[in-house]
PDB file of all heavy atoms in Angstrom:
ATOM      1  N   VAL A   1      14.856  18.447  -5.823  1.00  0.00           N
ATOM      2  CA  VAL A   1      13.913  18.020  -6.857  1.00  0.00           C
ATOM      3  C   VAL A   1      14.033  16.512  -7.088  1.00  0.00           C
ATOM      4  O   VAL A   1      13.031  15.785  -7.129  1.00  0.00           O
ATOM      5  CB  VAL A   1      14.154  18.785  -8.166  1.00  0.00           C
ATOM      6  CG1 VAL A   1      13.336  18.179  -9.295  1.00  0.00           C
ATOM      7  CG2 VAL A   1      13.805  20.256  -7.996  1.00  0.00           C
ATOM      8  N   VAL A   2      15.277  16.036  -7.228  1.00  0.00           N
ATOM      9  CA  VAL A   2      15.504  14.624  -7.536  1.00  0.00           C
ATOM     10  C   VAL A   2      15.298  13.739  -6.313  1.00  0.00           C
ATOM     11  O   VAL A   2      14.474  12.823  -6.305  1.00  0.00           O
ATOM     12  CB  VAL A   2      16.913  14.408  -8.124  1.00  0.00           C
ATOM     13  CG1 VAL A   2      17.178  12.922  -8.331  1.00  0.00           C
ATOM     14  CG2 VAL A   2      17.048  15.167  -9.437  1.00  0.00           C
ATOM     15  N   PHE A   3      16.057  14.029  -5.241  1.00  0.00           N
ATOM     16  CA  PHE A   3      15.972  13.196  -4.051  1.00  0.00           C
ATOM     17  C   PHE A   3      14.662  13.413  -3.308  1.00  0.00           C
ATOM     18  O   PHE A   3      14.013  12.461  -2.875  1.00  0.00           O
ATOM     19  CB  PHE A   3      17.146  13.485  -3.115  1.00  0.00           C
ATOM     20  CG  PHE A   3      18.447  12.896  -3.571  1.00  0.00           C
ATOM     21  CD1 PHE A   3      19.293  13.608  -4.396  1.00  0.00           C
ATOM     22  CD2 PHE A   3      18.830  11.631  -3.170  1.00  0.00           C
ATOM     23  CE1 PHE A   3      20.496  13.074  -4.815  1.00  0.00           C
ATOM     24  CE2 PHE A   3      20.023  11.073  -3.585  1.00  0.00           C
ATOM     25  CZ  PHE A   3      20.862  11.802  -4.415  1.00  0.00           C
ATOM     26  N   GLY A   4      14.296  14.686  -3.139  1.00  0.00           N
ATOM     27  CA  GLY A   4      13.093  14.984  -2.371  1.00  0.00           C
ATOM     28  C   GLY A   4      11.839  14.483  -3.042  1.00  0.00           C
ATOM     29  O   GLY A   4      10.950  13.925  -2.394  1.00  0.00           O
ATOM     30  N   ALA A   5      11.732  14.673  -4.353  1.00  0.00           N
ATOM     31  CA  ALA A   5      10.517  14.276  -5.059  1.00  0.00           C
ATOM     32  C   ALA A   5      10.517  12.784  -5.388  1.00  0.00           C
ATOM     33  O   ALA A   5       9.555  12.072  -5.096  1.00  0.00           O
ATOM     34  CB  ALA A   5      10.375  15.096  -6.343  1.00  0.00           C
ATOM     35  N   ALA A   6      11.601  12.306  -5.986  1.00  0.00           N
ATOM     36  CA  ALA A   6      11.641  10.906  -6.426  1.00  0.00           C
ATOM     37  C   ALA A   6      11.755   9.944  -5.246  1.00  0.00           C
ATOM     38  O   ALA A   6      10.906   9.071  -5.055  1.00  0.00           O
ATOM     39  CB  ALA A   6      12.806  10.708  -7.391  1.00  0.00           C
ATOM     40  N   ILE A   7      12.800  10.124  -4.437  1.00  0.00           N
ATOM     41  CA  ILE A   7      13.013   9.205  -3.312  1.00  0.00           C
ATOM     42  C   ILE A   7      12.070   9.543  -2.161  1.00  0.00           C
ATOM     43  O   ILE A   7      11.605   8.665  -1.444  1.00  0.00           O
ATOM     44  CB  ILE A   7      14.485   9.252  -2.853  1.00  0.00           C
ATOM     45  CG1 ILE A   7      15.395   8.837  -4.009  1.00  0.00           C
ATOM     46  CG2 ILE A   7      14.709   8.350  -1.655  1.00  0.00           C
ATOM     47  CD1 ILE A   7      16.862   8.891  -3.680  1.00  0.00           C
ATOM     48  N   GLY A   8      11.791  10.846  -1.992  1.00  0.00           N
ATOM     49  CA  GLY A   8      10.914  11.260  -0.898  1.00  0.00           C
ATOM     50  C   GLY A   8       9.515  10.697  -1.012  1.00  0.00           C
ATOM     51  O   GLY A   8       8.812  10.539  -0.003  1.00  0.00           O
ATOM     52  N   SER A   9       9.084  10.366  -2.213  1.00  0.00           N
ATOM     53  CA  SER A   9       7.763   9.769  -2.385  1.00  0.00           C
ATOM     54  C   SER A   9       7.737   8.327  -1.885  1.00  0.00           C
ATOM     55  O   SER A   9       6.676   7.772  -1.593  1.00  0.00           O
ATOM     56  CB  SER A   9       7.357   9.807  -3.864  1.00  0.00           C
ATOM     57  OG  SER A   9       8.275   9.056  -4.657  1.00  0.00           O
ATOM     58  N   ARG A  10       8.909   7.717  -1.782  1.00  0.00           N
ATOM     59  CA  ARG A  10       9.008   6.339  -1.294  1.00  0.00           C
ATOM     60  C   ARG A  10       9.445   6.296   0.174  1.00  0.00           C
ATOM     61  O   ARG A  10       9.036   5.409   0.914  1.00  0.00           O
ATOM     62  CB  ARG A  10       9.999   5.552  -2.157  1.00  0.00           C
ATOM     63  CG  ARG A  10       9.585   5.471  -3.631  1.00  0.00           C
ATOM     64  CD  ARG A  10      10.646   4.778  -4.461  1.00  0.00           C
ATOM     65  NE  ARG A  10      10.256   4.725  -5.868  1.00  0.00           N
ATOM     66  CZ  ARG A  10       9.544   3.744  -6.403  1.00  0.00           C
ATOM     67  NH1 ARG A  10       9.133   2.739  -5.649  1.00  0.00           N
ATOM     68  NH2 ARG A  10       9.224   3.761  -7.692  1.00  0.00           N
ATOM     69  N   ILE A  11      10.328   7.243   0.553  1.00  0.00           N
ATOM     70  CA  ILE A  11      10.764   7.332   1.958  1.00  0.00           C
ATOM     71  C   ILE A  11      10.171   8.634   2.512  1.00  0.00           C
ATOM     72  O   ILE A  11      10.741   9.709   2.327  1.00  0.00           O
ATOM     73  CB  ILE A  11      12.301   7.351   2.083  1.00  0.00           C
ATOM     74  CG1 ILE A  11      12.915   6.146   1.368  1.00  0.00           C
ATOM     75  CG2 ILE A  11      12.721   7.351   3.539  1.00  0.00           C
ATOM     76  CD1 ILE A  11      14.432   6.172   1.334  1.00  0.00           C
ATOM     77  N   THR A  12       9.030   8.541   3.150  1.00  0.00           N
ATOM     78  CA  THR A  12       8.338   9.759   3.591  1.00  0.00           C
ATOM     79  C   THR A  12       9.008  10.383   4.809  1.00  0.00           C
ATOM     80  O   THR A  12       9.088  11.607   4.915  1.00  0.00           O
ATOM     81  CB  THR A  12       6.871   9.447   3.926  1.00  0.00           C
ATOM     82  OG1 THR A  12       6.819   8.387   4.898  1.00  0.00           O
ATOM     83  CG2 THR A  12       6.125   9.019   2.674  1.00  0.00           C
ATOM     84  N   GLU A  13       9.505   9.544   5.731  1.00  0.00           N
ATOM     85  CA  GLU A  13      10.112  10.054   6.954  1.00  0.00           C
ATOM     86  C   GLU A  13      11.353   9.254   7.321  1.00  0.00           C
ATOM     87  O   GLU A  13      11.456   8.070   6.997  1.00  0.00           O
ATOM     88  CB  GLU A  13       9.125  10.004   8.124  1.00  0.00           C
ATOM     89  CG  GLU A  13       7.976  10.996   8.044  1.00  0.00           C
ATOM     90  CD  GLU A  13       7.147  11.013   9.300  1.00  0.00           C
ATOM     91  OE1 GLU A  13       7.394  10.154  10.191  1.00  0.00           O
ATOM     92  OE2 GLU A  13       6.272  11.887   9.429  1.00  0.00           O
ATOM     93  N   VAL A  14      12.271   9.944   7.995  1.00  0.00           N
ATOM     94  CA  VAL A  14      13.451   9.294   8.572  1.00  0.00           C
ATOM     95  C   VAL A  14      13.544   9.759  10.015  1.00  0.00           C
ATOM     96  O   VAL A  14      13.744  10.947  10.283  1.00  0.00           O
ATOM     97  CB  VAL A  14      14.747   9.661   7.815  1.00  0.00           C
ATOM     98  CG1 VAL A  14      15.946   8.980   8.480  1.00  0.00           C
ATOM     99  CG2 VAL A  14      14.657   9.258   6.362  1.00  0.00           C
ATOM    100  N   GLU A  15      13.330   8.831  10.934  1.00  0.00           N
ATOM    101  CA  GLU A  15      13.369   9.129  12.369  1.00  0.00           C
ATOM    102  C   GLU A  15      12.415  10.276  12.731  1.00  0.00           C
ATOM    103  O   GLU A  15      12.759  11.162  13.521  1.00  0.00           O
ATOM    104  CB  GLU A  15      14.798   9.446  12.818  1.00  0.00           C
ATOM    105  CG  GLU A  15      15.757   8.281  12.605  1.00  0.00           C
ATOM    106  CD  GLU A  15      17.129   8.550  13.206  1.00  0.00           C
ATOM    107  OE1 GLU A  15      17.221   9.354  14.147  1.00  0.00           O
ATOM    108  OE2 GLU A  15      18.109   7.960  12.719  1.00  0.00           O
ATOM    109  N   GLY A  16      11.244  10.256  12.125  1.00  0.00           N
ATOM    110  CA  GLY A  16      10.220  11.239  12.452  1.00  0.00           C
ATOM    111  C   GLY A  16      10.339  12.564  11.729  1.00  0.00           C
ATOM    112  O   GLY A  16       9.549  13.476  11.963  1.00  0.00           O
ATOM    113  N   VAL A  17      11.313  12.690  10.835  1.00  0.00           N
ATOM    114  CA  VAL A  17      11.518  13.930  10.079  1.00  0.00           C
ATOM    115  C   VAL A  17      11.246  13.636   8.605  1.00  0.00           C
ATOM    116  O   VAL A  17      11.663  12.591   8.092  1.00  0.00           O
ATOM    117  CB  VAL A  17      12.962  14.452  10.251  1.00  0.00           C
ATOM    118  CG1 VAL A  17      13.195  15.715   9.425  1.00  0.00           C
ATOM    119  CG2 VAL A  17      13.251  14.718  11.718  1.00  0.00           C
ATOM    120  N   SER A  18      10.545  14.533   7.926  1.00  0.00           N
ATOM    121  CA  SER A  18      10.286  14.327   6.503  1.00  0.00           C
ATOM    122  C   SER A  18      11.608  14.196   5.757  1.00  0.00           C
ATOM    123  O   SER A  18      12.596  14.857   6.094  1.00  0.00           O
ATOM    124  CB  SER A  18       9.474  15.485   5.936  1.00  0.00           C
ATOM    125  OG  SER A  18      10.241  16.679   5.908  1.00  0.00           O
ATOM    126  N   TYR A  19      11.603  13.358   4.717  1.00  0.00           N
ATOM    127  CA  TYR A  19      12.861  13.070   4.034  1.00  0.00           C
ATOM    128  C   TYR A  19      13.478  14.324   3.413  1.00  0.00           C
ATOM    129  O   TYR A  19      14.697  14.501   3.441  1.00  0.00           O
ATOM    130  CB  TYR A  19      12.650  12.008   2.955  1.00  0.00           C
ATOM    131  CG  TYR A  19      13.935  11.575   2.308  1.00  0.00           C
ATOM    132  CD1 TYR A  19      14.891  10.860   3.026  1.00  0.00           C
ATOM    133  CD2 TYR A  19      14.218  11.902   0.981  1.00  0.00           C
ATOM    134  CE1 TYR A  19      16.087  10.480   2.449  1.00  0.00           C
ATOM    135  CE2 TYR A  19      15.410  11.514   0.393  1.00  0.00           C
ATOM    136  CZ  TYR A  19      16.337  10.804   1.126  1.00  0.00           C
ATOM    137  OH  TYR A  19      17.532  10.429   0.562  1.00  0.00           O
ATOM    138  N   GLY A  20      12.635  15.209   2.876  1.00  0.00           N
ATOM    139  CA  GLY A  20      13.156  16.440   2.289  1.00  0.00           C
ATOM    140  C   GLY A  20      13.891  17.276   3.323  1.00  0.00           C
ATOM    141  O   GLY A  20      14.980  17.811   3.061  1.00  0.00           O
ATOM    142  N   ALA A  21      13.296  17.412   4.519  1.00  0.00           N
ATOM    143  CA  ALA A  21      13.946  18.179   5.585  1.00  0.00           C
ATOM    144  C   ALA A  21      15.192  17.463   6.092  1.00  0.00           C
ATOM    145  O   ALA A  21      16.191  18.098   6.455  1.00  0.00           O
ATOM    146  CB  ALA A  21      12.962  18.406   6.731  1.00  0.00           C
ATOM    147  N   PHE A  22      15.164  16.124   6.104  1.00  0.00           N
ATOM    148  CA  PHE A  22      16.305  15.335   6.556  1.00  0.00           C
ATOM    149  C   PHE A  22      17.527  15.567   5.678  1.00  0.00           C
ATOM    150  O   PHE A  22      18.667  15.509   6.149  1.00  0.00           O
ATOM    151  CB  PHE A  22      15.926  13.848   6.555  1.00  0.00           C
ATOM    152  CG  PHE A  22      16.979  12.940   7.092  1.00  0.00           C
ATOM    153  CD1 PHE A  22      17.080  12.690   8.453  1.00  0.00           C
ATOM    154  CD2 PHE A  22      17.884  12.315   6.243  1.00  0.00           C
ATOM    155  CE1 PHE A  22      18.063  11.844   8.955  1.00  0.00           C
ATOM    156  CE2 PHE A  22      18.864  11.468   6.731  1.00  0.00           C
ATOM    157  CZ  PHE A  22      18.952  11.230   8.095  1.00  0.00           C
ATOM    158  N   LEU A  23      17.274  15.861   4.405  1.00  0.00           N
ATOM    159  CA  LEU A  23      18.375  16.069   3.458  1.00  0.00           C
ATOM    160  C   LEU A  23      19.156  17.349   3.723  1.00  0.00           C
ATOM    161  O   LEU A  23      20.340  17.437   3.386  1.00  0.00           O
ATOM    162  CB  LEU A  23      17.829  16.135   2.028  1.00  0.00           C
ATOM    163  CG  LEU A  23      17.368  14.854   1.348  1.00  0.00           C
ATOM    164  CD1 LEU A  23      16.803  15.181  -0.017  1.00  0.00           C
ATOM    165  CD2 LEU A  23      18.510  13.865   1.221  1.00  0.00           C
ATOM    166  N   VAL A  24      18.492  18.359   4.288  1.00  0.00           N
ATOM    167  CA  VAL A  24      19.072  19.705   4.349  1.00  0.00           C
ATOM    168  C   VAL A  24      20.454  19.740   4.999  1.00  0.00           C
ATOM    169  O   VAL A  24      21.404  20.275   4.405  1.00  0.00           O
ATOM    170  CB  VAL A  24      18.103  20.681   5.051  1.00  0.00           C
ATOM    171  CG1 VAL A  24      18.765  22.051   5.238  1.00  0.00           C
ATOM    172  CG2 VAL A  24      16.819  20.817   4.241  1.00  0.00           C
ATOM    173  N   PRO A  25      20.649  19.217   6.216  1.00  0.00           N
ATOM    174  CA  PRO A  25      22.000  19.280   6.822  1.00  0.00           C
ATOM    175  C   PRO A  25      23.065  18.589   5.987  1.00  0.00           C
ATOM    176  O   PRO A  25      24.195  19.078   5.881  1.00  0.00           O
ATOM    177  CB  PRO A  25      21.805  18.576   8.175  1.00  0.00           C
ATOM    178  CG  PRO A  25      20.350  18.697   8.463  1.00  0.00           C
ATOM    179  CD  PRO A  25      19.676  18.603   7.141  1.00  0.00           C
TER     180      PRO A  25
END
């Protein structure tokens, strides 16, 4: 909720992966 929504709105992708999915591992 915090990282995915707040930061994810500014960092949409990391190395071609959505930021929310990048967080999972």
